[in-house]
Structures are given as structure tokens and as C-alpha cells.
């Protein structure tokens, strides 16, 4: 039996983030996104050294920041350098569920020129979540034409 280079249940790229109060973040992700906790290692101090959650068909890894791991935590009120993009069956229902769990709206749900209906949330731990439902299959050319119109409309 050979060992797979990518373990069962994983994709080539998996987000791994440092989150202050990772245990609380895990509970939030369960409530907001229906996450299932697959694995958790906690240190003697109770802090999360490593956890793996399943959200949809993807894994999310997280831990409490520590000196050995090189992770810091996002500022809940500040700017972040990345966000997670989560495709769901019903963006409007998922958006409400996340807000009810404590997420804050950064951009309301709306139809996008590129064929998705999406909105943006900030979780209580400072991370951005782009929540979307794909509504239309478009060619790059169709998206480009729609983008031109959208960008012109957005100009002051």
C-alpha cells in the first residue's frame, strides 16, 4: 500500500492560521460555517497547538499563536493581508448564520459581475470571509466586458 502525497480529505492548498483564543474561534466556526472539528492537540496550558476543521469539502488548520510556530493573530479591528473564500449552496442563509454567530458585515451580499452572488464578513478574530454562491458560468471575455461596465459605474 502506497502513501498518498496529499492525505485523504485534503486539497493541495490548505489554510493554516494563527488565532488568538483558537478554542473560541473553533466554536465560532462551528456555529457560523457548520465546521466539524476533526482533530485538536492542546498544550498543558490549554492553548490549541494544532486543530483541523472541516468546512464543506475543505480543511482549515488553526492554532493559538506561539513563539515556536511563527504565527501571530489578525487584529479584529484592523487590516488583514488575506481572506478566505467560501462557496456555499445558499449565500444569503449562510451570511445570516455567520452574522448571528458574531461576524460583522464588511460588504453586503449582492450579485457580482463575474457570476457569483457574494458578500464579505469579518469574523470576531479579525479574519475576512468572502462567502459566495456561484450563479452563472461565464467566459473570461464575458467577465471582462461586465467588469468594464461595473468599473465605469463605480467611478465618481
N, C-alpha and C. Protein backbone atom coordinates (compact mmCIF):
# COMPACT_ATOMS: atom_id res chain seq x y z
N UNK A 1 0.84 -1.18 0.00
CA UNK A 1 0.00 0.00 0.00
C UNK A 1 0.89 1.24 0.00
N UNK A 2 0.64 2.15 -0.93
CA UNK A 2 1.44 3.37 -1.00
C UNK A 2 0.75 4.51 -0.26
N UNK A 3 1.55 5.42 0.24
CA UNK A 3 1.04 6.58 0.95
C UNK A 3 0.84 7.71 -0.04
N UNK A 4 -0.32 8.37 0.02
CA UNK A 4 -0.62 9.48 -0.88
C UNK A 4 0.14 10.72 -0.44
N UNK A 5 0.65 11.47 -1.40
CA UNK A 5 1.37 12.72 -1.09
C UNK A 5 0.44 13.74 -0.45
N UNK A 6 -0.82 13.74 -0.85
CA UNK A 6 -1.83 14.61 -0.25
C UNK A 6 -2.77 13.70 0.54
N UNK A 7 -2.86 13.89 1.86
CA UNK A 7 -3.68 12.99 2.68
C UNK A 7 -5.16 13.03 2.28
N UNK A 8 -5.83 11.95 2.55
CA UNK A 8 -7.27 11.85 2.29
C UNK A 8 -8.00 13.00 2.98
N UNK A 9 -8.90 13.64 2.26
CA UNK A 9 -9.69 14.74 2.82
C UNK A 9 -9.06 16.11 2.66
N UNK A 10 -7.83 16.17 2.15
CA UNK A 10 -7.14 17.45 1.96
C UNK A 10 -7.08 17.79 0.48
N UNK A 11 -6.83 19.07 0.19
CA UNK A 11 -6.54 19.55 -1.15
C UNK A 11 -5.08 20.00 -1.16
N UNK A 12 -4.56 20.37 -2.30
CA UNK A 12 -3.16 20.79 -2.41
C UNK A 12 -2.83 21.97 -1.51
N UNK A 13 -3.77 22.89 -1.36
CA UNK A 13 -3.55 24.09 -0.56
C UNK A 13 -4.55 24.10 0.59
N UNK A 14 -4.05 24.24 1.80
CA UNK A 14 -4.88 24.29 2.99
C UNK A 14 -4.48 25.50 3.81
N UNK A 15 -5.45 26.31 4.19
CA UNK A 15 -5.17 27.48 5.03
C UNK A 15 -4.81 27.02 6.44
N UNK A 16 -3.75 27.62 6.99
CA UNK A 16 -3.34 27.36 8.38
C UNK A 16 -3.14 28.73 9.01
N UNK A 17 -3.94 29.06 10.01
CA UNK A 17 -3.86 30.40 10.57
C UNK A 17 -3.69 30.40 12.07
N UNK A 18 -3.03 31.44 12.53
CA UNK A 18 -2.90 31.69 13.96
C UNK A 18 -4.08 32.53 14.41
N UNK A 19 -4.71 32.11 15.50
CA UNK A 19 -5.89 32.81 16.00
C UNK A 19 -5.78 32.93 17.51
N UNK A 20 -5.76 34.15 18.02
CA UNK A 20 -5.79 34.33 19.47
C UNK A 20 -7.11 33.75 19.97
N UNK A 21 -7.05 32.94 21.02
CA UNK A 21 -8.23 32.24 21.53
C UNK A 21 -8.77 31.25 20.49
N UNK A 22 -7.89 30.39 20.00
CA UNK A 22 -8.26 29.43 18.95
C UNK A 22 -9.44 28.55 19.37
N UNK A 23 -9.54 28.19 20.64
CA UNK A 23 -10.66 27.36 21.08
C UNK A 23 -11.99 28.08 20.87
N UNK A 24 -12.01 29.39 21.15
CA UNK A 24 -13.23 30.18 20.90
C UNK A 24 -13.49 30.29 19.41
N UNK A 25 -12.42 30.43 18.63
CA UNK A 25 -12.57 30.52 17.17
C UNK A 25 -13.18 29.23 16.62
N UNK A 26 -12.74 28.09 17.14
CA UNK A 26 -13.28 26.81 16.69
C UNK A 26 -14.79 26.77 16.93
N UNK A 27 -15.22 27.20 18.11
CA UNK A 27 -16.66 27.21 18.41
C UNK A 27 -17.40 28.17 17.49
N UNK A 28 -16.80 29.34 17.20
CA UNK A 28 -17.41 30.29 16.27
C UNK A 28 -17.56 29.67 14.89
N UNK A 29 -16.50 29.03 14.37
CA UNK A 29 -16.55 28.45 13.03
C UNK A 29 -17.58 27.32 12.95
N UNK A 30 -17.78 26.61 14.06
CA UNK A 30 -18.83 25.59 14.09
C UNK A 30 -20.21 26.24 13.93
N UNK A 31 -20.45 27.30 14.70
CA UNK A 31 -21.75 27.98 14.64
C UNK A 31 -21.95 28.72 13.33
N UNK A 32 -20.93 29.44 12.88
CA UNK A 32 -21.06 30.31 11.72
C UNK A 32 -21.05 29.56 10.40
N UNK A 33 -20.21 28.55 10.28
CA UNK A 33 -20.00 27.89 8.99
C UNK A 33 -20.26 26.39 9.00
N UNK A 34 -20.77 25.88 10.12
CA UNK A 34 -21.03 24.44 10.19
C UNK A 34 -19.77 23.60 10.22
N UNK A 35 -18.67 24.17 10.70
CA UNK A 35 -17.40 23.44 10.75
C UNK A 35 -17.52 22.20 11.64
N UNK A 36 -16.80 21.18 11.25
CA UNK A 36 -16.71 19.95 12.04
C UNK A 36 -15.26 19.83 12.50
N UNK A 37 -15.08 19.66 13.80
CA UNK A 37 -13.72 19.52 14.34
C UNK A 37 -13.24 18.09 14.13
N UNK A 38 -12.18 17.95 13.33
CA UNK A 38 -11.62 16.63 13.05
C UNK A 38 -10.52 16.24 14.02
N UNK A 39 -9.79 17.24 14.53
CA UNK A 39 -8.59 16.92 15.31
C UNK A 39 -8.17 18.15 16.10
N UNK A 40 -7.70 17.93 17.33
CA UNK A 40 -7.17 19.04 18.14
C UNK A 40 -6.09 18.51 19.06
N UNK A 41 -4.97 19.23 19.11
CA UNK A 41 -3.91 18.99 20.09
C UNK A 41 -3.82 20.23 20.96
N UNK A 42 -3.99 20.05 22.25
CA UNK A 42 -3.87 21.18 23.17
C UNK A 42 -2.66 20.97 24.06
N UNK A 43 -2.00 22.07 24.38
CA UNK A 43 -0.84 22.02 25.26
C UNK A 43 -1.27 21.93 26.71
N UNK A 44 -0.29 21.76 27.61
CA UNK A 44 -0.59 21.67 29.04
C UNK A 44 -1.29 22.92 29.57
N UNK A 45 -1.07 24.06 28.89
CA UNK A 45 -1.70 25.31 29.31
C UNK A 45 -3.11 25.46 28.74
N UNK A 46 -3.57 24.48 27.95
CA UNK A 46 -4.91 24.52 27.38
C UNK A 46 -5.00 25.21 26.03
N UNK A 47 -3.90 25.85 25.62
CA UNK A 47 -3.92 26.52 24.32
C UNK A 47 -3.90 25.49 23.19
N UNK A 48 -4.51 25.87 22.08
CA UNK A 48 -4.57 24.96 20.93
C UNK A 48 -3.24 25.00 20.20
N UNK A 49 -2.55 23.86 20.16
CA UNK A 49 -1.29 23.76 19.44
C UNK A 49 -1.51 23.46 17.97
N UNK A 50 -2.60 22.75 17.67
CA UNK A 50 -2.95 22.44 16.28
C UNK A 50 -4.38 21.90 16.28
N UNK A 51 -5.18 22.41 15.34
CA UNK A 51 -6.54 21.88 15.16
C UNK A 51 -6.85 21.83 13.67
N UNK A 52 -7.70 20.88 13.31
CA UNK A 52 -8.15 20.74 11.93
C UNK A 52 -9.67 20.71 11.91
N UNK A 53 -10.24 21.60 11.11
CA UNK A 53 -11.68 21.68 10.95
C UNK A 53 -12.05 21.32 9.51
N UNK A 54 -13.22 20.77 9.33
CA UNK A 54 -13.77 20.50 8.01
C UNK A 54 -14.88 21.52 7.78
N UNK A 55 -14.76 22.30 6.71
CA UNK A 55 -15.81 23.23 6.30
C UNK A 55 -16.13 22.89 4.85
N UNK A 56 -17.32 22.39 4.62
CA UNK A 56 -17.65 21.93 3.27
C UNK A 56 -16.73 20.78 2.90
N UNK A 57 -16.09 20.89 1.73
CA UNK A 57 -15.18 19.83 1.30
C UNK A 57 -13.71 20.17 1.55
N UNK A 58 -13.47 21.17 2.40
CA UNK A 58 -12.09 21.63 2.63
C UNK A 58 -11.73 21.63 4.11
N UNK A 59 -10.43 21.58 4.36
CA UNK A 59 -9.92 21.63 5.72
C UNK A 59 -9.39 23.02 6.04
N UNK A 60 -9.49 23.39 7.28
CA UNK A 60 -8.92 24.63 7.81
C UNK A 60 -8.10 24.23 9.02
N UNK A 61 -6.83 24.63 9.06
CA UNK A 61 -5.98 24.36 10.21
C UNK A 61 -5.80 25.65 10.98
N UNK A 62 -5.75 25.55 12.30
CA UNK A 62 -5.51 26.73 13.11
C UNK A 62 -4.85 26.36 14.42
N UNK A 63 -4.28 27.38 15.07
CA UNK A 63 -3.63 27.21 16.36
C UNK A 63 -3.61 28.55 17.07
N UNK A 64 -3.35 28.50 18.36
CA UNK A 64 -3.06 29.73 19.09
C UNK A 64 -1.67 30.18 18.70
N UNK A 65 -1.45 31.49 18.54
CA UNK A 65 -0.09 31.95 18.23
C UNK A 65 0.88 31.52 19.33
N UNK A 66 2.11 31.18 18.91
CA UNK A 66 3.14 30.83 19.88
C UNK A 66 4.50 31.20 19.31
N UNK A 67 5.48 31.29 20.16
CA UNK A 67 6.82 31.68 19.73
C UNK A 67 7.44 30.69 18.75
N UNK A 68 7.16 29.39 18.91
CA UNK A 68 7.78 28.38 18.07
C UNK A 68 7.17 28.32 16.67
N UNK A 69 5.91 28.67 16.52
CA UNK A 69 5.22 28.49 15.24
C UNK A 69 5.34 29.62 14.26
N UNK A 70 5.74 30.79 14.71
CA UNK A 70 5.86 31.92 13.81
C UNK A 70 4.54 32.58 13.48
N UNK A 71 3.44 32.18 14.11
CA UNK A 71 2.14 32.77 13.85
C UNK A 71 1.89 33.95 14.77
N UNK A 72 1.25 34.96 14.21
CA UNK A 72 0.65 36.00 15.04
C UNK A 72 -0.84 35.91 14.78
N UNK A 73 -1.60 36.76 15.39
CA UNK A 73 -3.04 36.74 15.21
C UNK A 73 -3.47 38.00 14.49
N UNK A 74 -4.52 37.92 13.68
CA UNK A 74 -5.05 39.10 13.00
C UNK A 74 -5.62 40.06 14.04
N UNK A 75 -5.62 41.33 13.71
CA UNK A 75 -6.24 42.35 14.56
C UNK A 75 -7.73 42.36 14.25
N UNK A 76 -8.59 42.07 15.24
CA UNK A 76 -10.03 42.02 14.97
C UNK A 76 -10.60 43.31 14.39
N UNK A 77 -9.92 44.43 14.62
CA UNK A 77 -10.42 45.71 14.13
C UNK A 77 -9.55 46.30 13.02
N UNK A 78 -8.53 45.58 12.61
CA UNK A 78 -7.57 46.14 11.67
C UNK A 78 -7.63 45.54 10.28
N UNK A 79 -6.55 45.75 9.58
CA UNK A 79 -6.43 45.29 8.20
C UNK A 79 -5.79 43.90 8.22
N UNK A 80 -6.21 43.05 7.31
CA UNK A 80 -5.62 41.73 7.19
C UNK A 80 -5.05 41.57 5.78
N UNK A 81 -4.10 40.69 5.62
CA UNK A 81 -3.45 40.54 4.32
C UNK A 81 -4.09 39.45 3.46
N UNK A 82 -5.06 38.73 3.98
CA UNK A 82 -5.71 37.69 3.19
C UNK A 82 -7.12 37.44 3.72
N UNK A 83 -7.89 36.74 2.94
CA UNK A 83 -9.23 36.34 3.37
C UNK A 83 -9.54 34.96 2.83
N UNK A 84 -10.50 34.31 3.42
CA UNK A 84 -10.94 33.00 2.96
C UNK A 84 -12.15 33.19 2.04
N UNK A 85 -12.19 32.44 0.96
CA UNK A 85 -13.33 32.47 0.03
C UNK A 85 -14.05 31.15 0.18
N UNK A 86 -15.30 31.21 0.63
CA UNK A 86 -16.07 30.01 0.92
C UNK A 86 -17.30 29.94 0.01
N UNK A 87 -17.34 28.93 -0.86
CA UNK A 87 -18.52 28.70 -1.69
C UNK A 87 -19.52 27.87 -0.91
N UNK A 88 -20.78 28.29 -0.93
CA UNK A 88 -21.87 27.60 -0.24
C UNK A 88 -23.07 27.49 -1.17
N UNK A 89 -24.02 26.67 -0.80
CA UNK A 89 -25.22 26.48 -1.61
C UNK A 89 -26.14 27.69 -1.56
N UNK A 90 -26.26 28.33 -0.38
CA UNK A 90 -27.17 29.47 -0.20
C UNK A 90 -26.44 30.58 0.54
N UNK A 91 -25.87 31.51 -0.21
CA UNK A 91 -25.06 32.57 0.39
C UNK A 91 -25.86 33.43 1.36
N UNK A 92 -27.11 33.72 1.04
CA UNK A 92 -27.90 34.58 1.92
C UNK A 92 -28.14 33.93 3.28
N UNK A 93 -28.49 32.65 3.28
CA UNK A 93 -28.70 31.94 4.54
C UNK A 93 -27.40 31.80 5.32
N UNK A 94 -26.30 31.48 4.64
CA UNK A 94 -25.00 31.33 5.30
C UNK A 94 -24.53 32.64 5.88
N UNK A 95 -24.74 33.73 5.15
CA UNK A 95 -24.34 35.06 5.61
C UNK A 95 -25.06 35.40 6.91
N UNK A 96 -26.37 35.16 6.95
CA UNK A 96 -27.16 35.43 8.15
C UNK A 96 -26.68 34.56 9.31
N UNK A 97 -26.42 33.30 9.04
CA UNK A 97 -25.94 32.38 10.09
C UNK A 97 -24.64 32.89 10.70
N UNK A 98 -23.72 33.35 9.86
CA UNK A 98 -22.43 33.86 10.36
C UNK A 98 -22.62 35.14 11.16
N UNK A 99 -23.50 36.02 10.71
CA UNK A 99 -23.78 37.26 11.45
C UNK A 99 -24.39 36.92 12.80
N UNK A 100 -25.34 36.00 12.81
CA UNK A 100 -25.96 35.58 14.07
C UNK A 100 -24.94 34.98 15.04
N UNK A 101 -23.87 34.39 14.50
CA UNK A 101 -22.82 33.79 15.34
C UNK A 101 -21.81 34.83 15.81
N UNK A 102 -21.86 36.06 15.25
CA UNK A 102 -20.96 37.11 15.72
C UNK A 102 -20.10 37.78 14.68
N UNK A 103 -20.22 37.38 13.41
CA UNK A 103 -19.44 38.03 12.35
C UNK A 103 -20.01 39.42 12.07
N UNK A 104 -19.17 40.31 11.55
CA UNK A 104 -19.57 41.67 11.18
C UNK A 104 -19.53 41.80 9.66
N UNK A 105 -20.50 42.53 9.12
CA UNK A 105 -20.59 42.71 7.67
C UNK A 105 -19.54 43.71 7.20
N UNK A 106 -18.74 43.33 6.23
CA UNK A 106 -17.82 44.25 5.56
C UNK A 106 -18.42 44.72 4.24
N UNK A 107 -19.11 43.82 3.55
CA UNK A 107 -19.81 44.15 2.30
C UNK A 107 -21.03 43.25 2.21
N UNK A 108 -22.19 43.87 2.04
CA UNK A 108 -23.45 43.13 1.96
C UNK A 108 -23.45 42.16 0.78
N UNK A 109 -24.28 41.15 0.86
CA UNK A 109 -24.44 40.19 -0.23
C UNK A 109 -25.09 40.89 -1.42
N UNK A 110 -24.51 40.65 -2.59
CA UNK A 110 -25.07 41.20 -3.82
C UNK A 110 -24.60 40.36 -5.01
N UNK A 111 -25.32 40.50 -6.12
CA UNK A 111 -24.92 39.82 -7.35
C UNK A 111 -23.69 40.50 -7.90
N UNK A 112 -22.71 39.70 -8.35
CA UNK A 112 -21.45 40.22 -8.85
C UNK A 112 -21.36 40.04 -10.37
N UNK A 113 -20.57 40.90 -11.01
CA UNK A 113 -20.43 40.85 -12.46
C UNK A 113 -19.78 39.56 -12.96
N UNK A 114 -19.07 38.86 -12.09
CA UNK A 114 -18.34 37.66 -12.50
C UNK A 114 -19.14 36.37 -12.31
N UNK A 115 -20.44 36.51 -11.98
CA UNK A 115 -21.31 35.35 -11.93
C UNK A 115 -21.59 34.77 -10.56
N UNK A 116 -21.05 35.36 -9.52
CA UNK A 116 -21.32 34.91 -8.15
C UNK A 116 -22.27 35.88 -7.47
N UNK A 117 -22.95 35.40 -6.46
CA UNK A 117 -23.66 36.25 -5.51
C UNK A 117 -22.84 36.13 -4.24
N UNK A 118 -22.34 37.25 -3.72
CA UNK A 118 -21.40 37.15 -2.60
C UNK A 118 -21.45 38.36 -1.69
N UNK A 119 -20.88 38.17 -0.51
CA UNK A 119 -20.71 39.23 0.47
C UNK A 119 -19.47 38.94 1.29
N UNK A 120 -19.05 39.93 2.08
CA UNK A 120 -17.82 39.79 2.86
C UNK A 120 -18.10 40.04 4.33
N UNK A 121 -17.55 39.18 5.18
CA UNK A 121 -17.69 39.27 6.63
C UNK A 121 -16.32 39.31 7.28
N UNK A 122 -16.26 39.91 8.48
CA UNK A 122 -15.06 39.81 9.32
C UNK A 122 -15.46 39.01 10.55
N UNK A 123 -14.72 37.94 10.81
CA UNK A 123 -15.05 37.14 11.99
C UNK A 123 -14.55 37.85 13.25
N UNK A 124 -14.98 37.42 14.43
CA UNK A 124 -14.58 38.11 15.66
C UNK A 124 -13.08 38.06 15.94
N UNK A 125 -12.33 37.30 15.15
CA UNK A 125 -10.90 37.14 15.36
C UNK A 125 -10.08 37.91 14.33
N UNK A 126 -10.76 38.70 13.47
CA UNK A 126 -10.09 39.59 12.54
C UNK A 126 -9.92 39.08 11.13
N UNK A 127 -10.39 37.88 10.83
CA UNK A 127 -10.21 37.30 9.50
C UNK A 127 -11.40 37.61 8.60
N UNK A 128 -11.09 37.91 7.32
CA UNK A 128 -12.14 38.17 6.33
C UNK A 128 -12.60 36.87 5.68
N UNK A 129 -13.91 36.79 5.47
CA UNK A 129 -14.52 35.64 4.81
C UNK A 129 -15.37 36.16 3.66
N UNK A 130 -15.02 35.73 2.46
CA UNK A 130 -15.80 36.05 1.26
C UNK A 130 -16.73 34.86 1.05
N UNK A 131 -18.02 35.06 1.26
CA UNK A 131 -19.00 33.98 1.17
C UNK A 131 -19.73 34.13 -0.16
N UNK A 132 -19.84 33.04 -0.93
CA UNK A 132 -20.41 33.16 -2.27
C UNK A 132 -21.18 31.91 -2.68
N UNK A 133 -22.14 32.14 -3.57
CA UNK A 133 -22.81 31.08 -4.31
C UNK A 133 -22.61 31.39 -5.78
N UNK A 134 -22.11 30.42 -6.52
CA UNK A 134 -21.89 30.61 -7.96
C UNK A 134 -23.23 30.51 -8.67
N UNK A 135 -23.57 31.55 -9.46
CA UNK A 135 -24.87 31.62 -10.12
C UNK A 135 -24.81 31.46 -11.63
N UNK A 136 -23.69 31.88 -12.24
CA UNK A 136 -23.57 31.85 -13.70
C UNK A 136 -22.19 31.38 -14.12
N UNK A 137 -22.13 30.53 -15.12
CA UNK A 137 -20.86 30.17 -15.74
C UNK A 137 -20.60 31.17 -16.87
N UNK A 138 -19.51 31.91 -16.78
CA UNK A 138 -19.17 32.93 -17.77
C UNK A 138 -17.78 32.68 -18.33
N UNK A 139 -17.57 33.09 -19.56
CA UNK A 139 -16.24 33.01 -20.16
C UNK A 139 -15.41 34.18 -19.64
N UNK A 140 -14.08 34.10 -19.73
CA UNK A 140 -13.25 35.24 -19.35
C UNK A 140 -13.62 36.51 -20.14
N UNK A 141 -14.02 36.35 -21.39
CA UNK A 141 -14.41 37.51 -22.20
C UNK A 141 -15.68 38.16 -21.65
N UNK A 142 -16.66 37.34 -21.28
CA UNK A 142 -17.90 37.87 -20.72
C UNK A 142 -17.63 38.59 -19.40
N UNK A 143 -16.78 38.01 -18.57
CA UNK A 143 -16.44 38.65 -17.30
C UNK A 143 -15.74 39.98 -17.57
N UNK A 144 -14.82 40.00 -18.53
CA UNK A 144 -14.11 41.23 -18.88
C UNK A 144 -15.05 42.33 -19.32
N UNK A 145 -16.02 42.02 -20.15
CA UNK A 145 -16.99 43.02 -20.62
C UNK A 145 -17.83 43.54 -19.45
N UNK A 146 -18.28 42.63 -18.61
CA UNK A 146 -19.06 43.05 -17.45
C UNK A 146 -18.22 43.88 -16.48
N UNK A 147 -16.95 43.53 -16.34
CA UNK A 147 -16.06 44.28 -15.45
C UNK A 147 -15.91 45.72 -15.93
N UNK A 148 -15.75 45.91 -17.23
CA UNK A 148 -15.64 47.27 -17.78
C UNK A 148 -16.85 48.11 -17.39
N UNK A 149 -18.03 47.55 -17.55
CA UNK A 149 -19.26 48.27 -17.20
C UNK A 149 -19.30 48.55 -15.70
N UNK A 150 -19.00 47.54 -14.89
CA UNK A 150 -19.04 47.69 -13.43
C UNK A 150 -18.04 48.75 -12.96
N UNK A 151 -16.83 48.74 -13.51
CA UNK A 151 -15.81 49.70 -13.09
C UNK A 151 -16.19 51.12 -13.50
N UNK A 152 -16.81 51.28 -14.67
CA UNK A 152 -17.27 52.61 -15.10
C UNK A 152 -18.36 53.13 -14.18
N UNK A 153 -19.27 52.25 -13.78
CA UNK A 153 -20.36 52.65 -12.89
C UNK A 153 -19.84 53.01 -11.50
N UNK A 154 -18.74 52.42 -11.09
CA UNK A 154 -18.18 52.65 -9.76
C UNK A 154 -17.39 53.95 -9.67
N UNK A 155 -17.03 54.54 -10.81
CA UNK A 155 -16.24 55.77 -10.80
C UNK A 155 -17.10 56.94 -10.35
N UNK A 156 -16.51 57.87 -9.59
CA UNK A 156 -17.28 59.04 -9.12
C UNK A 156 -17.61 60.01 -10.23
